[in-house]
Amino acid sequence: MQSTSRHHLVPREEGGRYGPTIDLCQPCHSSVHRFLTNRELARLYPTVEALRAAEGLQTYLRWIKRQRVERITNRRARR
């Protein structure tokens, strides 16, 4: 079973520390932050509906729908 992590709809760094959150599987959460900046998330995608419609995520969302989430690893490179 894939673990989930809490995603702040408005990133903490952009003033969303106490704002609404959603649970995302770890690969999806990593991908959201890979394809969208915190500033974009705060200004353009502060709701679940807006995030689902984000143009930058559409290719990933189409791909992930066809995958078995238990087998996906999508870790960001350590810096």
PDB file of N, CA and C in Angstrom:
ATOM      1  N   MET A   1       0.844  -1.186   0.000  1.00  0.00           N
ATOM      2  CA  MET A   1       0.000   0.000   0.000  1.00  0.00           C
ATOM      3  C   MET A   1       0.884   1.243   0.000  1.00  0.00           C
ATOM      4  N   GLN A   2       0.564   2.195  -0.827  1.00  0.00           N
ATOM      5  CA  GLN A   2       1.330   3.429  -0.965  1.00  0.00           C
ATOM      6  C   GLN A   2       1.028   4.354   0.215  1.00  0.00           C
ATOM      7  N   SER A   3       2.047   4.951   0.779  1.00  0.00           N
ATOM      8  CA  SER A   3       1.834   5.898   1.874  1.00  0.00           C
ATOM      9  C   SER A   3       1.301   7.216   1.314  1.00  0.00           C
ATOM     10  N   THR A   4       0.647   7.956   2.175  1.00  0.00           N
ATOM     11  CA  THR A   4       0.136   9.264   1.775  1.00  0.00           C
ATOM     12  C   THR A   4       0.864  10.337   2.574  1.00  0.00           C
ATOM     13  N   SER A   5       0.808  11.533   2.054  1.00  0.00           N
ATOM     14  CA  SER A   5       1.380  12.668   2.769  1.00  0.00           C
ATOM     15  C   SER A   5       0.434  13.844   2.644  1.00  0.00           C
ATOM     16  N   ARG A   6       0.545  14.745   3.592  1.00  0.00           N
ATOM     17  CA  ARG A   6      -0.353  15.895   3.638  1.00  0.00           C
ATOM     18  C   ARG A   6       0.195  17.009   2.755  1.00  0.00           C
ATOM     19  N   HIS A   7      -0.646  17.479   1.849  1.00  0.00           N
ATOM     20  CA  HIS A   7      -0.273  18.572   0.944  1.00  0.00           C
ATOM     21  C   HIS A   7      -1.056  19.812   1.343  1.00  0.00           C
ATOM     22  N   HIS A   8      -0.350  20.895   1.621  1.00  0.00           N
ATOM     23  CA  HIS A   8      -0.997  22.183   1.896  1.00  0.00           C
ATOM     24  C   HIS A   8      -1.410  22.784   0.556  1.00  0.00           C
ATOM     25  N   LEU A   9      -2.689  23.066   0.388  1.00  0.00           N
ATOM     26  CA  LEU A   9      -3.154  23.625  -0.885  1.00  0.00           C
ATOM     27  C   LEU A   9      -2.456  24.948  -1.182  1.00  0.00           C
ATOM     28  N   VAL A  10      -2.256  25.754  -0.177  1.00  0.00           N
ATOM     29  CA  VAL A  10      -1.388  26.932  -0.294  1.00  0.00           C
ATOM     30  C   VAL A  10      -0.142  26.563   0.506  1.00  0.00           C
ATOM     31  N   PRO A  11       1.000  26.473  -0.139  1.00  0.00           N
ATOM     32  CA  PRO A  11       2.218  26.046   0.565  1.00  0.00           C
ATOM     33  C   PRO A  11       2.507  26.886   1.811  1.00  0.00           C
ATOM     34  N   ARG A  12       3.071  26.240   2.809  1.00  0.00           N
ATOM     35  CA  ARG A  12       3.404  26.935   4.056  1.00  0.00           C
ATOM     36  C   ARG A  12       4.271  28.160   3.787  1.00  0.00           C
ATOM     37  N   GLU A  13       5.221  28.034   2.869  1.00  0.00           N
ATOM     38  CA  GLU A  13       6.126  29.140   2.564  1.00  0.00           C
ATOM     39  C   GLU A  13       5.408  30.332   1.930  1.00  0.00           C
ATOM     40  N   GLU A  14       4.198  30.099   1.436  1.00  0.00           N
ATOM     41  CA  GLU A  14       3.421  31.169   0.793  1.00  0.00           C
ATOM     42  C   GLU A  14       2.234  31.593   1.663  1.00  0.00           C
ATOM     43  N   GLY A  15       2.292  31.271   2.964  1.00  0.00           N
ATOM     44  CA  GLY A  15       1.253  31.727   3.889  1.00  0.00           C
ATOM     45  C   GLY A  15       0.166  30.706   4.199  1.00  0.00           C
ATOM     46  N   GLY A  16       0.329  29.463   3.787  1.00  0.00           N
ATOM     47  CA  GLY A  16      -0.712  28.462   3.985  1.00  0.00           C
ATOM     48  C   GLY A  16      -0.497  27.512   5.147  1.00  0.00           C
ATOM     49  N   ARG A  17       0.320  27.906   6.109  1.00  0.00           N
ATOM     50  CA  ARG A  17       0.651  27.008   7.223  1.00  0.00           C
ATOM     51  C   ARG A  17      -0.584  26.436   7.917  1.00  0.00           C
ATOM     52  N   TYR A  18      -1.597  27.240   8.124  1.00  0.00           N
ATOM     53  CA  TYR A  18      -2.796  26.784   8.824  1.00  0.00           C
ATOM     54  C   TYR A  18      -3.987  26.621   7.889  1.00  0.00           C
ATOM     55  N   GLY A  19      -3.726  26.624   6.598  1.00  0.00           N
ATOM     56  CA  GLY A  19      -4.796  26.498   5.611  1.00  0.00           C
ATOM     57  C   GLY A  19      -5.187  25.053   5.364  1.00  0.00           C
ATOM     58  N   PRO A  20      -6.096  24.842   4.436  1.00  0.00           N
ATOM     59  CA  PRO A  20      -6.579  23.488   4.150  1.00  0.00           C
ATOM     60  C   PRO A  20      -5.497  22.593   3.554  1.00  0.00           C
ATOM     61  N   THR A  21      -5.596  21.304   3.872  1.00  0.00           N
ATOM     62  CA  THR A  21      -4.673  20.309   3.357  1.00  0.00           C
ATOM     63  C   THR A  21      -5.465  19.154   2.750  1.00  0.00           C
ATOM     64  N   ILE A  22      -4.790  18.375   1.904  1.00  0.00           N
ATOM     65  CA  ILE A  22      -5.366  17.154   1.352  1.00  0.00           C
ATOM     66  C   ILE A  22      -4.310  16.059   1.446  1.00  0.00           C
ATOM     67  N   ASP A  23      -4.760  14.817   1.487  1.00  0.00           N
ATOM     68  CA  ASP A  23      -3.841  13.688   1.473  1.00  0.00           C
ATOM     69  C   ASP A  23      -3.594  13.265   0.036  1.00  0.00           C
ATOM     70  N   LEU A  24      -2.322  13.141  -0.321  1.00  0.00           N
ATOM     71  CA  LEU A  24      -1.924  12.671  -1.645  1.00  0.00           C
ATOM     72  C   LEU A  24      -0.983  11.491  -1.465  1.00  0.00           C
ATOM     73  N   CYS A  25      -1.016  10.556  -2.416  1.00  0.00           N
ATOM     74  CA  CYS A  25      -0.010   9.502  -2.363  1.00  0.00           C
ATOM     75  C   CYS A  25       1.345  10.180  -2.579  1.00  0.00           C
ATOM     76  N   GLN A  26       2.383   9.567  -2.053  1.00  0.00           N
ATOM     77  CA  GLN A  26       3.698  10.197  -2.112  1.00  0.00           C
ATOM     78  C   GLN A  26       4.165  10.493  -3.542  1.00  0.00           C
ATOM     79  N   PRO A  27       3.982   9.572  -4.510  1.00  0.00           N
ATOM     80  CA  PRO A  27       4.397   9.915  -5.881  1.00  0.00           C
ATOM     81  C   PRO A  27       3.662  11.132  -6.442  1.00  0.00           C
ATOM     82  N   CYS A  28       2.366  11.232  -6.173  1.00  0.00           N
ATOM     83  CA  CYS A  28       1.612  12.390  -6.677  1.00  0.00           C
ATOM     84  C   CYS A  28       2.054  13.670  -5.980  1.00  0.00           C
ATOM     85  N   HIS A  29       2.277  13.607  -4.677  1.00  0.00           N
ATOM     86  CA  HIS A  29       2.717  14.789  -3.943  1.00  0.00           C
ATOM     87  C   HIS A  29       4.068  15.273  -4.462  1.00  0.00           C
ATOM     88  N   SER A  30       4.993  14.352  -4.670  1.00  0.00           N
ATOM     89  CA  SER A  30       6.305  14.726  -5.213  1.00  0.00           C
ATOM     90  C   SER A  30       6.164  15.343  -6.600  1.00  0.00           C
ATOM     91  N   SER A  31       5.274  14.791  -7.404  1.00  0.00           N
ATOM     92  CA  SER A  31       5.088  15.302  -8.767  1.00  0.00           C
ATOM     93  C   SER A  31       4.476  16.693  -8.770  1.00  0.00           C
ATOM     94  N   VAL A  32       3.523  16.955  -7.876  1.00  0.00           N
ATOM     95  CA  VAL A  32       2.931  18.293  -7.785  1.00  0.00           C
ATOM     96  C   VAL A  32       4.048  19.314  -7.574  1.00  0.00           C
ATOM     97  N   HIS A  33       4.971  19.011  -6.658  1.00  0.00           N
ATOM     98  CA  HIS A  33       6.041  19.963  -6.357  1.00  0.00           C
ATOM     99  C   HIS A  33       7.155  19.951  -7.408  1.00  0.00           C
ATOM    100  N   ARG A  34       7.223  18.910  -8.183  1.00  0.00           N
ATOM    101  CA  ARG A  34       8.204  18.870  -9.270  1.00  0.00           C
ATOM    102  C   ARG A  34       7.744  19.758 -10.437  1.00  0.00           C
ATOM    103  N   PHE A  35       6.448  19.720 -10.748  1.00  0.00           N
ATOM    104  CA  PHE A  35       5.938  20.416 -11.925  1.00  0.00           C
ATOM    105  C   PHE A  35       5.436  21.831 -11.661  1.00  0.00           C
ATOM    106  N   LEU A  36       5.161  22.162 -10.403  1.00  0.00           N
ATOM    107  CA  LEU A  36       4.602  23.476 -10.069  1.00  0.00           C
ATOM    108  C   LEU A  36       5.399  24.111  -8.937  1.00  0.00           C
ATOM    109  N   THR A  37       5.649  25.398  -9.038  1.00  0.00           N
ATOM    110  CA  THR A  37       6.356  26.102  -7.973  1.00  0.00           C
ATOM    111  C   THR A  37       5.395  26.397  -6.823  1.00  0.00           C
ATOM    112  N   ASN A  38       5.952  26.701  -5.668  1.00  0.00           N
ATOM    113  CA  ASN A  38       5.107  27.072  -4.534  1.00  0.00           C
ATOM    114  C   ASN A  38       4.303  28.327  -4.834  1.00  0.00           C
ATOM    115  N   ARG A  39       4.906  29.254  -5.545  1.00  0.00           N
ATOM    116  CA  ARG A  39       4.190  30.488  -5.902  1.00  0.00           C
ATOM    117  C   ARG A  39       3.004  30.181  -6.820  1.00  0.00           C
ATOM    118  N   GLU A  40       3.214  29.290  -7.810  1.00  0.00           N
ATOM    119  CA  GLU A  40       2.109  28.893  -8.694  1.00  0.00           C
ATOM    120  C   GLU A  40       1.021  28.193  -7.901  1.00  0.00           C
ATOM    121  N   LEU A  41       1.416  27.298  -7.008  1.00  0.00           N
ATOM    122  CA  LEU A  41       0.421  26.584  -6.199  1.00  0.00           C
ATOM    123  C   LEU A  41      -0.421  27.565  -5.391  1.00  0.00           C
ATOM    124  N   ALA A  42       0.211  28.546  -4.780  1.00  0.00           N
ATOM    125  CA  ALA A  42      -0.507  29.512  -3.949  1.00  0.00           C
ATOM    126  C   ALA A  42      -1.420  30.417  -4.767  1.00  0.00           C
ATOM    127  N   ARG A  43      -0.934  30.890  -5.881  1.00  0.00           N
ATOM    128  CA  ARG A  43      -1.690  31.885  -6.651  1.00  0.00           C
ATOM    129  C   ARG A  43      -2.697  31.296  -7.635  1.00  0.00           C
ATOM    130  N   LEU A  44      -2.336  30.150  -8.243  1.00  0.00           N
ATOM    131  CA  LEU A  44      -3.175  29.621  -9.310  1.00  0.00           C
ATOM    132  C   LEU A  44      -3.956  28.358  -8.947  1.00  0.00           C
ATOM    133  N   TYR A  45      -3.471  27.598  -7.955  1.00  0.00           N
ATOM    134  CA  TYR A  45      -4.067  26.288  -7.669  1.00  0.00           C
ATOM    135  C   TYR A  45      -4.352  26.075  -6.183  1.00  0.00           C
ATOM    136  N   PRO A  46      -5.080  26.995  -5.538  1.00  0.00           N
ATOM    137  CA  PRO A  46      -5.311  26.884  -4.096  1.00  0.00           C
ATOM    138  C   PRO A  46      -6.483  25.977  -3.700  1.00  0.00           C
ATOM    139  N   THR A  47      -7.098  25.315  -4.678  1.00  0.00           N
ATOM    140  CA  THR A  47      -8.202  24.397  -4.384  1.00  0.00           C
ATOM    141  C   THR A  47      -7.930  23.056  -5.049  1.00  0.00           C
ATOM    142  N   VAL A  48      -8.610  22.026  -4.587  1.00  0.00           N
ATOM    143  CA  VAL A  48      -8.465  20.702  -5.187  1.00  0.00           C
ATOM    144  C   VAL A  48      -8.862  20.747  -6.656  1.00  0.00           C
ATOM    145  N   GLU A  49      -9.953  21.409  -6.958  1.00  0.00           N
ATOM    146  CA  GLU A  49     -10.439  21.491  -8.335  1.00  0.00           C
ATOM    147  C   GLU A  49      -9.426  22.175  -9.242  1.00  0.00           C
ATOM    148  N   ALA A  50      -8.856  23.275  -8.766  1.00  0.00           N
ATOM    149  CA  ALA A  50      -7.856  23.994  -9.570  1.00  0.00           C
ATOM    150  C   ALA A  50      -6.607  23.133  -9.764  1.00  0.00           C
ATOM    151  N   LEU A  51      -6.193  22.430  -8.716  1.00  0.00           N
ATOM    152  CA  LEU A  51      -5.003  21.583  -8.815  1.00  0.00           C
ATOM    153  C   LEU A  51      -5.218  20.460  -9.823  1.00  0.00           C
ATOM    154  N   ARG A  52      -6.393  19.846  -9.795  1.00  0.00           N
ATOM    155  CA  ARG A  52      -6.699  18.778 -10.761  1.00  0.00           C
ATOM    156  C   ARG A  52      -6.684  19.292 -12.192  1.00  0.00           C
ATOM    157  N   ALA A  53      -7.019  20.555 -12.376  1.00  0.00           N
ATOM    158  CA  ALA A  53      -7.084  21.127 -13.720  1.00  0.00           C
ATOM    159  C   ALA A  53      -5.768  21.775 -14.160  1.00  0.00           C
ATOM    160  N   ALA A  54      -4.756  21.768 -13.311  1.00  0.00           N
ATOM    161  CA  ALA A  54      -3.479  22.425 -13.626  1.00  0.00           C
ATOM    162  C   ALA A  54      -2.893  21.855 -14.904  1.00  0.00           C
ATOM    163  N   GLU A  55      -2.656  22.714 -15.868  1.00  0.00           N
ATOM    164  CA  GLU A  55      -2.136  22.293 -17.167  1.00  0.00           C
ATOM    165  C   GLU A  55      -0.816  21.535 -17.032  1.00  0.00           C
ATOM    166  N   GLY A  56       0.037  21.974 -16.127  1.00  0.00           N
ATOM    167  CA  GLY A  56       1.328  21.343 -15.948  1.00  0.00           C
ATOM    168  C   GLY A  56       1.282  19.927 -15.401  1.00  0.00           C
ATOM    169  N   LEU A  57       0.138  19.517 -14.876  1.00  0.00           N
ATOM    170  CA  LEU A  57      -0.007  18.168 -14.307  1.00  0.00           C
ATOM    171  C   LEU A  57      -0.760  17.197 -15.207  1.00  0.00           C
ATOM    172  N   GLN A  58      -1.333  17.669 -16.296  1.00  0.00           N
ATOM    173  CA  GLN A  58      -2.225  16.823 -17.092  1.00  0.00           C
ATOM    174  C   GLN A  58      -1.545  15.578 -17.663  1.00  0.00           C
ATOM    175  N   THR A  59      -0.356  15.706 -18.178  1.00  0.00           N
ATOM    176  CA  THR A  59       0.346  14.529 -18.719  1.00  0.00           C
ATOM    177  C   THR A  59       0.591  13.520 -17.605  1.00  0.00           C
ATOM    178  N   TYR A  60       1.045  13.998 -16.454  1.00  0.00           N
ATOM    179  CA  TYR A  60       1.291  13.107 -15.322  1.00  0.00           C
ATOM    180  C   TYR A  60      -0.011  12.440 -14.867  1.00  0.00           C
ATOM    181  N   LEU A  61      -1.083  13.197 -14.749  1.00  0.00           N
ATOM    182  CA  LEU A  61      -2.355  12.629 -14.284  1.00  0.00           C
ATOM    183  C   LEU A  61      -2.885  11.570 -15.242  1.00  0.00           C
ATOM    184  N   ARG A  62      -2.751  11.808 -16.543  1.00  0.00           N
ATOM    185  CA  ARG A  62      -3.180  10.780 -17.507  1.00  0.00           C
ATOM    186  C   ARG A  62      -2.351   9.510 -17.346  1.00  0.00           C
ATOM    187  N   TRP A  63      -1.044   9.675 -17.113  1.00  0.00           N
ATOM    188  CA  TRP A  63      -0.164   8.527 -16.951  1.00  0.00           C
ATOM    189  C   TRP A  63      -0.455   7.779 -15.654  1.00  0.00           C
ATOM    190  N   ILE A  64      -0.603   8.490 -14.545  1.00  0.00           N
ATOM    191  CA  ILE A  64      -0.767   7.854 -13.236  1.00  0.00           C
ATOM    192  C   ILE A  64      -2.074   7.072 -13.150  1.00  0.00           C
ATOM    193  N   LYS A  65      -3.089   7.512 -13.868  1.00  0.00           N
ATOM    194  CA  LYS A  65      -4.368   6.800 -13.843  1.00  0.00           C
ATOM    195  C   LYS A  65      -4.237   5.377 -14.374  1.00  0.00           C
ATOM    196  N   ARG A  66      -3.238   5.119 -15.198  1.00  0.00           N
ATOM    197  CA  ARG A  66      -3.049   3.791 -15.794  1.00  0.00           C
ATOM    198  C   ARG A  66      -2.084   2.918 -15.002  1.00  0.00           C
ATOM    199  N   GLN A  67      -1.531   3.436 -13.904  1.00  0.00           N
ATOM    200  CA  GLN A  67      -0.506   2.716 -13.161  1.00  0.00           C
ATOM    201  C   GLN A  67      -1.062   2.057 -11.904  1.00  0.00           C
ATOM    202  N   ARG A  68      -0.344   1.048 -11.433  1.00  0.00           N
ATOM    203  CA  ARG A  68      -0.613   0.477 -10.116  1.00  0.00           C
ATOM    204  C   ARG A  68       0.207   1.284  -9.128  1.00  0.00           C
ATOM    205  N   VAL A  69      -0.465   2.083  -8.348  1.00  0.00           N
ATOM    206  CA  VAL A  69       0.204   3.035  -7.469  1.00  0.00           C
ATOM    207  C   VAL A  69       1.154   2.343  -6.486  1.00  0.00           C
ATOM    208  N   GLU A  70       0.874   1.105  -6.091  1.00  0.00           N
ATOM    209  CA  GLU A  70       1.735   0.410  -5.134  1.00  0.00           C
ATOM    210  C   GLU A  70       3.153   0.253  -5.655  1.00  0.00           C
ATOM    211  N   ARG A  71       3.332   0.306  -6.956  1.00  0.00           N
ATOM    212  CA  ARG A  71       4.642   0.043  -7.547  1.00  0.00           C
ATOM    213  C   ARG A  71       5.382   1.287  -8.002  1.00  0.00           C
ATOM    214  N   ILE A  72       4.820   2.421  -7.833  1.00  0.00           N
ATOM    215  CA  ILE A  72       5.430   3.653  -8.340  1.00  0.00           C
ATOM    216  C   ILE A  72       6.348   4.256  -7.290  1.00  0.00           C
ATOM    217  N   THR A  73       7.548   4.590  -7.709  1.00  0.00           N
ATOM    218  CA  THR A  73       8.433   5.383  -6.858  1.00  0.00           C
ATOM    219  C   THR A  73       8.781   6.636  -7.638  1.00  0.00           C
ATOM    220  N   ASN A  74       8.675   7.730  -6.987  1.00  0.00           N
ATOM    221  CA  ASN A  74       8.875   9.006  -7.657  1.00  0.00           C
ATOM    222  C   ASN A  74       9.548   9.955  -6.676  1.00  0.00           C
ATOM    223  N   ARG A  75      10.711   9.593  -6.236  1.00  0.00           N
ATOM    224  CA  ARG A  75      11.424  10.402  -5.244  1.00  0.00           C
ATOM    225  C   ARG A  75      12.227  11.498  -5.929  1.00  0.00           C
ATOM    226  N   ARG A  76      12.206  12.649  -5.314  1.00  0.00           N
ATOM    227  CA  ARG A  76      13.024  13.741  -5.815  1.00  0.00           C
ATOM    228  C   ARG A  76      14.485  13.469  -5.471  1.00  0.00           C
ATOM    229  N   ALA A  77      15.354  13.915  -6.314  1.00  0.00           N
ATOM    230  CA  ALA A  77      16.787  13.729  -6.064  1.00  0.00           C
ATOM    231  C   ALA A  77      17.194  14.525  -4.825  1.00  0.00           C
ATOM    232  N   ARG A  78      18.055  13.931  -4.043  1.00  0.00           N
ATOM    233  CA  ARG A  78      18.567  14.653  -2.857  1.00  0.00           C
ATOM    234  C   ARG A  78      19.530  15.735  -3.313  1.00  0.00           C
ATOM    235  N   ARG A  79      19.444  16.869  -2.665  1.00  0.00           N
ATOM    236  CA  ARG A  79      20.288  18.005  -3.050  1.00  0.00           C
ATOM    237  C   ARG A  79      21.403  18.182  -2.069  1.00  0.00           C
TER     238      ARG A  79
END
